[in-house]
C-alpha atoms as a PDB file:
ATOM      1  CA  UNK A   1     -24.405   6.154   0.524  1.00  0.00           C
ATOM      2  CA  UNK A   2     -21.055   7.479  -0.616  1.00  0.00           C
ATOM      3  CA  UNK A   3     -17.916   5.552  -1.458  1.00  0.00           C
ATOM      4  CA  UNK A   4     -16.027   7.216   1.388  1.00  0.00           C
ATOM      5  CA  UNK A   5     -16.973   4.409   3.744  1.00  0.00           C
ATOM      6  CA  UNK A   6     -15.302   1.869   1.502  1.00  0.00           C
ATOM      7  CA  UNK A   7     -11.860   3.457   1.370  1.00  0.00           C
ATOM      8  CA  UNK A   8      -9.402   2.270   3.992  1.00  0.00           C
ATOM      9  CA  UNK A   9      -7.860   5.111   5.951  1.00  0.00           C
ATOM     10  CA  UNK A  10      -4.117   5.507   5.521  1.00  0.00           C
ATOM     11  CA  UNK A  11      -2.194   6.362   8.665  1.00  0.00           C
ATOM     12  CA  UNK A  12       0.801   8.655   8.949  1.00  0.00           C
ATOM     13  CA  UNK A  13       2.819   5.551   9.825  1.00  0.00           C
ATOM     14  CA  UNK A  14       1.813   3.861   6.580  1.00  0.00           C
ATOM     15  CA  UNK A  15       2.901   6.988   4.704  1.00  0.00           C
ATOM     16  CA  UNK A  16       6.206   6.927   6.558  1.00  0.00           C
ATOM     17  CA  UNK A  17       6.818   3.327   5.563  1.00  0.00           C
ATOM     18  CA  UNK A  18       5.530   3.205   1.990  1.00  0.00           C
ATOM     19  CA  UNK A  19       6.420   6.704   0.789  1.00  0.00           C
ATOM     20  CA  UNK A  20       9.668   7.385   2.628  1.00  0.00           C
ATOM     21  CA  UNK A  21      11.419   4.375   4.156  1.00  0.00           C
ATOM     22  CA  UNK A  22      10.804   1.697   1.518  1.00  0.00           C
ATOM     23  CA  UNK A  23      11.682   3.901  -1.502  1.00  0.00           C
ATOM     24  CA  UNK A  24      14.941   4.878   0.213  1.00  0.00           C
ATOM     25  CA  UNK A  25      15.754   1.296   1.093  1.00  0.00           C
ATOM     26  CA  UNK A  26      15.698   2.089   4.808  1.00  0.00           C
ATOM     27  CA  UNK A  27      14.558  -0.418   7.377  1.00  0.00           C
ATOM     28  CA  UNK A  28      12.695   0.738  10.452  1.00  0.00           C
ATOM     29  CA  UNK A  29      15.774  -0.163  12.469  1.00  0.00           C
ATOM     30  CA  UNK A  30      18.086   1.933  10.282  1.00  0.00           C
ATOM     31  CA  UNK A  31      15.729   4.888  10.403  1.00  0.00           C
ATOM     32  CA  UNK A  32      15.420   4.678  14.181  1.00  0.00           C
ATOM     33  CA  UNK A  33      19.209   4.894  14.476  1.00  0.00           C
ATOM     34  CA  UNK A  34      19.285   7.844  12.071  1.00  0.00           C
ATOM     35  CA  UNK A  35      16.843   9.888  14.140  1.00  0.00           C
ATOM     36  CA  UNK A  36      17.993   8.632  17.548  1.00  0.00           C
ATOM     37  CA  UNK A  37      14.760   6.904  18.521  1.00  0.00           C
ATOM     38  CA  UNK A  38      14.257   3.436  19.951  1.00  0.00           C
ATOM     39  CA  UNK A  39      13.300   0.994  17.212  1.00  0.00           C
ATOM     40  CA  UNK A  40      10.062   0.326  19.071  1.00  0.00           C
ATOM     41  CA  UNK A  41       8.973   3.956  18.538  1.00  0.00           C
ATOM     42  CA  UNK A  42       9.310   3.671  14.764  1.00  0.00           C
ATOM     43  CA  UNK A  43       7.554   0.290  14.808  1.00  0.00           C
ATOM     44  CA  UNK A  44       4.711   1.751  16.872  1.00  0.00           C
ATOM     45  CA  UNK A  45       4.300   4.698  14.472  1.00  0.00           C
ATOM     46  CA  UNK A  46       4.331   2.461  11.396  1.00  0.00           C
ATOM     47  CA  UNK A  47       1.825   0.037  12.934  1.00  0.00           C
ATOM     48  CA  UNK A  48      -0.496   2.852  14.042  1.00  0.00           C
ATOM     49  CA  UNK A  49      -0.061   2.170  17.760  1.00  0.00           C
ATOM     50  CA  UNK A  50       1.569   5.579  18.253  1.00  0.00           C
ATOM     51  CA  UNK A  51       0.457   8.881  16.837  1.00  0.00           C
ATOM     52  CA  UNK A  52       2.465  11.774  15.491  1.00  0.00           C
ATOM     53  CA  UNK A  53       3.097  14.413  18.142  1.00  0.00           C
ATOM     54  CA  UNK A  54       4.378  17.880  17.219  1.00  0.00           C
ATOM     55  CA  UNK A  55       7.855  16.857  18.377  1.00  0.00           C
ATOM     56  CA  UNK A  56       7.737  13.674  16.306  1.00  0.00           C
ATOM     57  CA  UNK A  57       6.538  15.667  13.289  1.00  0.00           C
ATOM     58  CA  UNK A  58       9.501  18.012  13.664  1.00  0.00           C
ATOM     59  CA  UNK A  59      12.018  15.152  13.735  1.00  0.00           C
ATOM     60  CA  UNK A  60      10.371  13.438  10.753  1.00  0.00           C
ATOM     61  CA  UNK A  61      10.386  16.681   8.778  1.00  0.00           C
ATOM     62  CA  UNK A  62      14.107  17.247   9.346  1.00  0.00           C
ATOM     63  CA  UNK A  63      15.021  13.656   8.598  1.00  0.00           C
ATOM     64  CA  UNK A  64      12.861  13.266   5.504  1.00  0.00           C
ATOM     65  CA  UNK A  65      12.825  16.728   3.935  1.00  0.00           C
ATOM     66  CA  UNK A  66       9.164  17.444   4.596  1.00  0.00           C
ATOM     67  CA  UNK A  67       7.438  19.879   6.913  1.00  0.00           C
ATOM     68  CA  UNK A  68       6.055  19.239  10.388  1.00  0.00           C
ATOM     69  CA  UNK A  69       2.667  20.333   9.025  1.00  0.00           C
ATOM     70  CA  UNK A  70       2.740  17.475   6.496  1.00  0.00           C
ATOM     71  CA  UNK A  71       2.939  14.896   9.302  1.00  0.00           C
ATOM     72  CA  UNK A  72       0.425  16.605  11.556  1.00  0.00           C
ATOM     73  CA  UNK A  73      -2.097  16.880   8.721  1.00  0.00           C
ATOM     74  CA  UNK A  74      -1.581  13.212   7.849  1.00  0.00           C
ATOM     75  CA  UNK A  75      -2.202  12.335  11.494  1.00  0.00           C
ATOM     76  CA  UNK A  76      -5.250  14.568  11.821  1.00  0.00           C
ATOM     77  CA  UNK A  77      -6.747  13.397   8.528  1.00  0.00           C
ATOM     78  CA  UNK A  78      -6.628   9.787   9.651  1.00  0.00           C
ATOM     79  CA  UNK A  79      -8.402  10.477  12.924  1.00  0.00           C
ATOM     80  CA  UNK A  80     -11.039  12.819  11.494  1.00  0.00           C
ATOM     81  CA  UNK A  81     -11.965  10.343   8.743  1.00  0.00           C
ATOM     82  CA  UNK A  82     -12.561   7.327  10.956  1.00  0.00           C
END
């Protein structure tokens, strides 16, 4: 048995929160206003109730200085590792 089964899977929403919003001192509400989304959309992404679509990845990449591919790979990695 490998240790892979013991590691919790990190979602793209968790990356959004812990690696981008929190270090910048942005609340989910502030970020939602910045990108023009309803606050519920950001909350759903962070909580893992909503995935990252190509359109969402594009908006995140522009807003956070990443690439759309970064967000899509984070999304795909989570679902392929479950």
